[in-house]
């Protein structure tokens, strides 16, 4: 009788451990995907900011060149 209860208890614990491991594995998978998505978003934002700075600098340089007064020859 004790052996049957012990085996049943072991089986319950084993199934619980398997279910818990499955849940944890899924949580880790979701965490990694979320982390990867966040890194992609961060890198995209960083790239956008760098591009914005480059374009602003080029625009400022273009404005300075355009602001140079033209000298009439002749």
PDB file of N, CA and C in Angstrom:
ATOM      1  N   UNK A   1       0.825  -1.191   0.000  1.00  0.00           N
ATOM      2  CA  UNK A   1       0.000   0.000   0.000  1.00  0.00           C
ATOM      3  C   UNK A   1       0.869   1.255   0.000  1.00  0.00           C
ATOM      4  N   UNK A   2       1.888   1.259   0.881  1.00  0.00           N
ATOM      5  CA  UNK A   2       2.780   2.411   0.965  1.00  0.00           C
ATOM      6  C   UNK A   2       3.513   2.616  -0.358  1.00  0.00           C
ATOM      7  N   UNK A   3       3.891   1.508  -1.006  1.00  0.00           N
ATOM      8  CA  UNK A   3       4.585   1.587  -2.286  1.00  0.00           C
ATOM      9  C   UNK A   3       3.694   2.222  -3.340  1.00  0.00           C
ATOM     10  N   UNK A   4       2.413   1.902  -3.352  1.00  0.00           N
ATOM     11  CA  UNK A   4       1.480   2.483  -4.320  1.00  0.00           C
ATOM     12  C   UNK A   4       1.331   3.986  -4.100  1.00  0.00           C
ATOM     13  N   UNK A   5       1.224   4.389  -2.847  1.00  0.00           N
ATOM     14  CA  UNK A   5       1.089   5.815  -2.539  1.00  0.00           C
ATOM     15  C   UNK A   5       2.369   6.545  -2.924  1.00  0.00           C
ATOM     16  N   UNK A   6       3.480   5.934  -2.622  1.00  0.00           N
ATOM     17  CA  UNK A   6       4.763   6.546  -2.952  1.00  0.00           C
ATOM     18  C   UNK A   6       4.910   6.699  -4.461  1.00  0.00           C
ATOM     19  N   UNK A   7       4.562   5.677  -5.212  1.00  0.00           N
ATOM     20  CA  UNK A   7       4.648   5.747  -6.673  1.00  0.00           C
ATOM     21  C   UNK A   7       3.676   6.786  -7.225  1.00  0.00           C
ATOM     22  N   UNK A   8       2.479   6.840  -6.654  1.00  0.00           N
ATOM     23  CA  UNK A   8       1.498   7.835  -7.098  1.00  0.00           C
ATOM     24  C   UNK A   8       2.000   9.243  -6.792  1.00  0.00           C
ATOM     25  N   UNK A   9       2.592   9.413  -5.619  1.00  0.00           N
ATOM     26  CA  UNK A   9       3.133  10.723  -5.242  1.00  0.00           C
ATOM     27  C   UNK A   9       4.284  11.106  -6.169  1.00  0.00           C
ATOM     28  N   UNK A  10       5.146  10.154  -6.456  1.00  0.00           N
ATOM     29  CA  UNK A  10       6.265  10.413  -7.368  1.00  0.00           C
ATOM     30  C   UNK A  10       5.750  10.792  -8.755  1.00  0.00           C
ATOM     31  N   UNK A  11       4.709  10.103  -9.195  1.00  0.00           N
ATOM     32  CA  UNK A  11       4.131  10.390 -10.508  1.00  0.00           C
ATOM     33  C   UNK A  11       3.535  11.798 -10.543  1.00  0.00           C
ATOM     34  N   UNK A  12       2.833  12.181  -9.473  1.00  0.00           N
ATOM     35  CA  UNK A  12       2.264  13.534  -9.396  1.00  0.00           C
ATOM     36  C   UNK A  12       3.373  14.577  -9.416  1.00  0.00           C
ATOM     37  N   UNK A  13       4.413  14.337  -8.633  1.00  0.00           N
ATOM     38  CA  UNK A  13       5.545  15.277  -8.586  1.00  0.00           C
ATOM     39  C   UNK A  13       6.223  15.353  -9.947  1.00  0.00           C
ATOM     40  N   UNK A  14       6.409  14.224 -10.589  1.00  0.00           N
ATOM     41  CA  UNK A  14       7.049  14.179 -11.907  1.00  0.00           C
ATOM     42  C   UNK A  14       6.240  14.982 -12.932  1.00  0.00           C
ATOM     43  N   UNK A  15       4.919  14.779 -12.938  1.00  0.00           N
ATOM     44  CA  UNK A  15       4.060  15.518 -13.867  1.00  0.00           C
ATOM     45  C   UNK A  15       4.075  17.012 -13.562  1.00  0.00           C
ATOM     46  N   UNK A  16       4.071  17.346 -12.276  1.00  0.00           N
ATOM     47  CA  UNK A  16       4.132  18.752 -11.879  1.00  0.00           C
ATOM     48  C   UNK A  16       5.439  19.382 -12.360  1.00  0.00           C
ATOM     49  N   UNK A  17       6.545  18.675 -12.147  1.00  0.00           N
ATOM     50  CA  UNK A  17       7.847  19.180 -12.585  1.00  0.00           C
ATOM     51  C   UNK A  17       7.893  19.368 -14.097  1.00  0.00           C
ATOM     52  N   UNK A  18       7.329  18.428 -14.831  1.00  0.00           N
ATOM     53  CA  UNK A  18       7.308  18.540 -16.291  1.00  0.00           C
ATOM     54  C   UNK A  18       6.487  19.745 -16.730  1.00  0.00           C
ATOM     55  N   UNK A  19       5.338  19.936 -16.091  1.00  0.00           N
ATOM     56  CA  UNK A  19       4.475  21.075 -16.432  1.00  0.00           C
ATOM     57  C   UNK A  19       5.163  22.395 -16.082  1.00  0.00           C
ATOM     58  N   UNK A  20       5.785  22.433 -14.911  1.00  0.00           N
ATOM     59  CA  UNK A  20       6.501  23.637 -14.486  1.00  0.00           C
ATOM     60  C   UNK A  20       7.651  23.941 -15.445  1.00  0.00           C
ATOM     61  N   UNK A  21       8.394  22.924 -15.824  1.00  0.00           N
ATOM     62  CA  UNK A  21       9.501  23.105 -16.759  1.00  0.00           C
ATOM     63  C   UNK A  21       8.996  23.615 -18.105  1.00  0.00           C
ATOM     64  N   UNK A  22       7.881  23.085 -18.553  1.00  0.00           N
ATOM     65  CA  UNK A  22       7.292  23.530 -19.819  1.00  0.00           C
ATOM     66  C   UNK A  22       6.890  25.002 -19.744  1.00  0.00           C
ATOM     67  N   UNK A  23       6.276  25.400 -18.628  1.00  0.00           N
ATOM     68  CA  UNK A  23       5.873  26.800 -18.446  1.00  0.00           C
ATOM     69  C   UNK A  23       7.096  27.705 -18.401  1.00  0.00           C
ATOM     70  N   UNK A  24       8.113  27.291 -17.663  1.00  0.00           N
ATOM     71  CA  UNK A  24       9.335  28.096 -17.571  1.00  0.00           C
ATOM     72  C   UNK A  24      10.027  28.223 -18.927  1.00  0.00           C
ATOM     73  N   UNK A  25      10.056  27.138 -19.678  1.00  0.00           N
ATOM     74  CA  UNK A  25      10.667  27.167 -21.006  1.00  0.00           C
ATOM     75  C   UNK A  25       9.933  28.165 -21.909  1.00  0.00           C
ATOM     76  N   UNK A  26       8.605  28.157 -21.834  1.00  0.00           N
ATOM     77  CA  UNK A  26       7.801  29.090 -22.630  1.00  0.00           C
ATOM     78  C   UNK A  26       8.047  30.533 -22.182  1.00  0.00           C
ATOM     79  N   UNK A  27       8.157  30.743 -20.873  1.00  0.00           N
ATOM     80  CA  UNK A  27       8.445  32.087 -20.354  1.00  0.00           C
ATOM     81  C   UNK A  27       9.799  32.597 -20.841  1.00  0.00           C
ATOM     82  N   UNK A  28      10.798  31.732 -20.824  1.00  0.00           N
ATOM     83  CA  UNK A  28      12.127  32.120 -21.300  1.00  0.00           C
ATOM     84  C   UNK A  28      12.073  32.449 -22.786  1.00  0.00           C
ATOM     85  N   UNK A  29      11.344  31.660 -23.540  1.00  0.00           N
ATOM     86  CA  UNK A  29      11.200  31.903 -24.979  1.00  0.00           C
ATOM     87  C   UNK A  29      10.549  33.266 -25.229  1.00  0.00           C
ATOM     88  N   UNK A  30       9.476  33.577 -24.481  1.00  0.00           N
ATOM     89  CA  UNK A  30       8.806  34.872 -24.623  1.00  0.00           C
ATOM     90  C   UNK A  30       9.729  36.010 -24.205  1.00  0.00           C
ATOM     91  N   UNK A  31      10.480  35.811 -23.119  1.00  0.00           N
ATOM     92  CA  UNK A  31      11.411  36.837 -22.657  1.00  0.00           C
ATOM     93  C   UNK A  31      12.469  37.129 -23.716  1.00  0.00           C
ATOM     94  N   UNK A  32      13.036  36.083 -24.291  1.00  0.00           N
ATOM     95  CA  UNK A  32      14.064  36.269 -25.323  1.00  0.00           C
ATOM     96  C   UNK A  32      13.501  36.999 -26.539  1.00  0.00           C
ATOM     97  N   UNK A  33      12.291  36.624 -26.954  1.00  0.00           N
ATOM     98  CA  UNK A  33      11.671  37.285 -28.104  1.00  0.00           C
ATOM     99  C   UNK A  33      11.408  38.750 -27.792  1.00  0.00           C
ATOM    100  N   UNK A  34      10.901  39.020 -26.597  1.00  0.00           N
ATOM    101  CA  UNK A  34      10.628  40.394 -26.181  1.00  0.00           C
ATOM    102  C   UNK A  34      11.924  41.199 -26.124  1.00  0.00           C
ATOM    103  N   UNK A  35      12.973  40.582 -25.593  1.00  0.00           N
ATOM    104  CA  UNK A  35      14.276  41.251 -25.517  1.00  0.00           C
ATOM    105  C   UNK A  35      14.804  41.548 -26.922  1.00  0.00           C
ATOM    106  N   UNK A  36      14.676  40.585 -27.818  1.00  0.00           N
ATOM    107  CA  UNK A  36      15.129  40.782 -29.191  1.00  0.00           C
ATOM    108  C   UNK A  36      14.334  41.899 -29.862  1.00  0.00           C
ATOM    109  N   UNK A  37      13.024  41.917 -29.659  1.00  0.00           N
ATOM    110  CA  UNK A  37      12.187  42.984 -30.220  1.00  0.00           C
ATOM    111  C   UNK A  37      12.594  44.344 -29.668  1.00  0.00           C
ATOM    112  N   UNK A  38      12.865  44.396 -28.365  1.00  0.00           N
ATOM    113  CA  UNK A  38      13.291  45.658 -27.756  1.00  0.00           C
ATOM    114  C   UNK A  38      14.628  46.123 -28.318  1.00  0.00           C
ATOM    115  N   UNK A  39      15.550  45.190 -28.538  1.00  0.00           N
ATOM    116  CA  UNK A  39      16.850  45.560 -29.097  1.00  0.00           C
ATOM    117  C   UNK A  39      16.694  46.070 -30.529  1.00  0.00           C
ATOM    118  N   UNK A  40      15.827  45.440 -31.296  1.00  0.00           N
ATOM    119  CA  UNK A  40      15.572  45.899 -32.663  1.00  0.00           C
ATOM    120  C   UNK A  40      14.985  47.299 -32.630  1.00  0.00           C
ATOM    121  N   UNK A  41      14.011  47.528 -31.744  1.00  0.00           N
ATOM    122  CA  UNK A  41      13.414  48.858 -31.620  1.00  0.00           C
ATOM    123  C   UNK A  41      14.452  49.887 -31.186  1.00  0.00           C
ATOM    124  N   UNK A  42      15.293  49.510 -30.227  1.00  0.00           N
ATOM    125  CA  UNK A  42      16.335  50.418 -29.750  1.00  0.00           C
ATOM    126  C   UNK A  42      17.310  50.752 -30.873  1.00  0.00           C
ATOM    127  N   UNK A  43      17.753  49.738 -31.605  1.00  0.00           N
ATOM    128  CA  UNK A  43      18.695  49.968 -32.699  1.00  0.00           C
ATOM    129  C   UNK A  43      18.066  50.809 -33.801  1.00  0.00           C
ATOM    130  N   UNK A  44      16.791  50.581 -34.078  1.00  0.00           N
ATOM    131  CA  UNK A  44      16.093  51.376 -35.088  1.00  0.00           C
ATOM    132  C   UNK A  44      16.012  52.831 -34.656  1.00  0.00           C
ATOM    133  N   UNK A  45      15.662  53.057 -33.396  1.00  0.00           N
ATOM    134  CA  UNK A  45      15.584  54.430 -32.887  1.00  0.00           C
ATOM    135  C   UNK A  45      16.953  55.099 -32.913  1.00  0.00           C
ATOM    136  N   UNK A  46      17.990  54.359 -32.517  1.00  0.00           N
ATOM    137  CA  UNK A  46      19.343  54.915 -32.539  1.00  0.00           C
ATOM    138  C   UNK A  46      19.747  55.274 -33.970  1.00  0.00           C
ATOM    139  N   UNK A  47      19.472  54.384 -34.907  1.00  0.00           N
ATOM    140  CA  UNK A  47      19.778  54.650 -36.309  1.00  0.00           C
ATOM    141  C   UNK A  47      19.022  55.881 -36.791  1.00  0.00           C
ATOM    142  N   UNK A  48      17.731  55.974 -36.430  1.00  0.00           N
ATOM    143  CA  UNK A  48      16.928  57.133 -36.829  1.00  0.00           C
ATOM    144  C   UNK A  48      17.505  58.428 -36.267  1.00  0.00           C
ATOM    145  N   UNK A  49      17.943  58.392 -35.017  1.00  0.00           N
ATOM    146  CA  UNK A  49      18.522  59.594 -34.399  1.00  0.00           C
ATOM    147  C   UNK A  49      19.829  59.982 -35.093  1.00  0.00           C
ATOM    148  N   UNK A  50      20.669  58.994 -35.395  1.00  0.00           N
ATOM    149  CA  UNK A  50      21.924  59.279 -36.092  1.00  0.00           C
ATOM    150  C   UNK A  50      21.645  59.841 -37.480  1.00  0.00           C
ATOM    151  N   UNK A  51      20.694  59.257 -38.170  1.00  0.00           N
ATOM    152  CA  UNK A  51      20.331  59.733 -39.499  1.00  0.00           C
ATOM    153  C   UNK A  51      19.794  61.155 -39.424  1.00  0.00           C
ATOM    154  N   UNK A  52      18.982  61.429 -38.429  1.00  0.00           N
ATOM    155  CA  UNK A  52      18.434  62.773 -38.236  1.00  0.00           C
ATOM    156  C   UNK A  52      19.560  63.779 -37.998  1.00  0.00           C
ATOM    157  N   UNK A  53      20.552  63.409 -37.190  1.00  0.00           N
ATOM    158  CA  UNK A  53      21.685  64.300 -36.935  1.00  0.00           C
ATOM    159  C   UNK A  53      22.492  64.546 -38.205  1.00  0.00           C
ATOM    160  N   UNK A  54      22.713  63.506 -38.972  1.00  0.00           N
ATOM    161  CA  UNK A  54      23.462  63.650 -40.227  1.00  0.00           C
ATOM    162  C   UNK A  54      22.706  64.559 -41.186  1.00  0.00           C
ATOM    163  N   UNK A  55      21.409  64.317 -41.327  1.00  0.00           N
ATOM    164  CA  UNK A  55      20.610  65.144 -42.234  1.00  0.00           C
ATOM    165  C   UNK A  55      20.553  66.594 -41.759  1.00  0.00           C
ATOM    166  N   UNK A  56      20.449  66.801 -40.452  1.00  0.00           N
ATOM    167  CA  UNK A  56      20.427  68.164 -39.914  1.00  0.00           C
ATOM    168  C   UNK A  56      21.743  68.873 -40.209  1.00  0.00           C
ATOM    169  N   UNK A  57      22.866  68.165 -40.055  1.00  0.00           N
ATOM    170  CA  UNK A  57      24.174  68.757 -40.338  1.00  0.00           C
ATOM    171  C   UNK A  57      24.305  69.081 -41.825  1.00  0.00           C
ATOM    172  N   UNK A  58      23.868  68.178 -42.682  1.00  0.00           N
ATOM    173  CA  UNK A  58      23.937  68.431 -44.121  1.00  0.00           C
ATOM    174  C   UNK A  58      23.021  69.577 -44.525  1.00  0.00           C
ATOM    175  N   UNK A  59      21.850  69.651 -43.934  1.00  0.00           N
ATOM    176  CA  UNK A  59      20.923  70.740 -44.221  1.00  0.00           C
ATOM    177  C   UNK A  59      21.510  72.074 -43.779  1.00  0.00           C
ATOM    178  N   UNK A  60      22.124  72.086 -42.606  1.00  0.00           N
ATOM    179  CA  UNK A  60      22.754  73.315 -42.113  1.00  0.00           C
ATOM    180  C   UNK A  60      23.890  73.740 -43.044  1.00  0.00           C
ATOM    181  N   UNK A  61      24.685  72.786 -43.489  1.00  0.00           N
ATOM    182  CA  UNK A  61      25.776  73.094 -44.413  1.00  0.00           C
ATOM    183  C   UNK A  61      25.209  73.624 -45.732  1.00  0.00           C
ATOM    184  N   UNK A  62      24.150  73.031 -46.219  1.00  0.00           N
ATOM    185  CA  UNK A  62      23.513  73.490 -47.450  1.00  0.00           C
ATOM    186  C   UNK A  62      22.984  74.912 -47.281  1.00  0.00           C
ATOM    187  N   UNK A  63      22.378  75.192 -46.135  1.00  0.00           N
ATOM    188  CA  UNK A  63      21.869  76.540 -45.871  1.00  0.00           C
ATOM    189  C   UNK A  63      23.002  77.557 -45.842  1.00  0.00           C
ATOM    190  N   UNK A  64      24.118  77.176 -45.238  1.00  0.00           N
ATOM    191  CA  UNK A  64      25.267  78.095 -45.181  1.00  0.00           C
ATOM    192  C   UNK A  64      25.793  78.374 -46.588  1.00  0.00           C
ATOM    193  N   UNK A  65      25.846  77.354 -47.417  1.00  0.00           N
ATOM    194  CA  UNK A  65      26.311  77.542 -48.787  1.00  0.00           C
ATOM    195  C   UNK A  65      25.336  78.408 -49.569  1.00  0.00           C
ATOM    196  N   UNK A  66      24.060  78.202 -49.342  1.00  0.00           N
ATOM    197  CA  UNK A  66      23.039  78.975 -50.050  1.00  0.00           C
ATOM    198  C   UNK A  66      22.995  80.409 -49.563  1.00  0.00           C
ATOM    199  N   UNK A  67      23.407  80.646 -48.335  1.00  0.00           N
ATOM    200  CA  UNK A  67      23.361  81.986 -47.763  1.00  0.00           C
ATOM    201  C   UNK A  67      24.516  82.853 -48.251  1.00  0.00           C
ATOM    202  N   UNK A  68      25.478  82.251 -48.909  1.00  0.00           N
ATOM    203  CA  UNK A  68      26.603  83.025 -49.425  1.00  0.00           C
ATOM    204  C   UNK A  68      26.086  83.980 -50.490  1.00  0.00           C
ATOM    205  N   UNK A  69      26.342  85.269 -50.308  1.00  0.00           N
ATOM    206  CA  UNK A  69      25.836  86.233 -51.293  1.00  0.00           C
ATOM    207  C   UNK A  69      26.506  86.031 -52.651  1.00  0.00           C
ATOM    208  N   UNK A  70      25.711  86.140 -53.657  1.00  0.00           N
ATOM    209  CA  UNK A  70      26.237  86.010 -55.011  1.00  0.00           C
ATOM    210  C   UNK A  70      26.800  87.354 -55.450  1.00  0.00           C
ATOM    211  N   UNK A  71      27.949  87.315 -56.063  1.00  0.00           N
ATOM    212  CA  UNK A  71      28.589  88.538 -56.545  1.00  0.00           C
ATOM    213  C   UNK A  71      28.284  88.669 -58.026  1.00  0.00           C
ATOM    214  N   UNK A  72      27.773  89.804 -58.390  1.00  0.00           N
ATOM    215  CA  UNK A  72      27.440  90.039 -59.782  1.00  0.00           C
ATOM    216  C   UNK A  72      28.717  90.446 -60.515  1.00  0.00           C
ATOM    217  N   UNK A  73      29.012  89.734 -61.533  1.00  0.00           N
ATOM    218  CA  UNK A  73      30.209  90.017 -62.324  1.00  0.00           C
ATOM    219  C   UNK A  73      29.770  90.760 -63.568  1.00  0.00           C
ATOM    220  N   UNK A  74      30.508  91.820 -63.864  1.00  0.00           N
ATOM    221  CA  UNK A  74      30.254  92.450 -65.126  1.00  0.00           C
ATOM    222  C   UNK A  74      29.753  93.781 -65.125  1.00  0.00           C
TER     223      UNK A  74
END
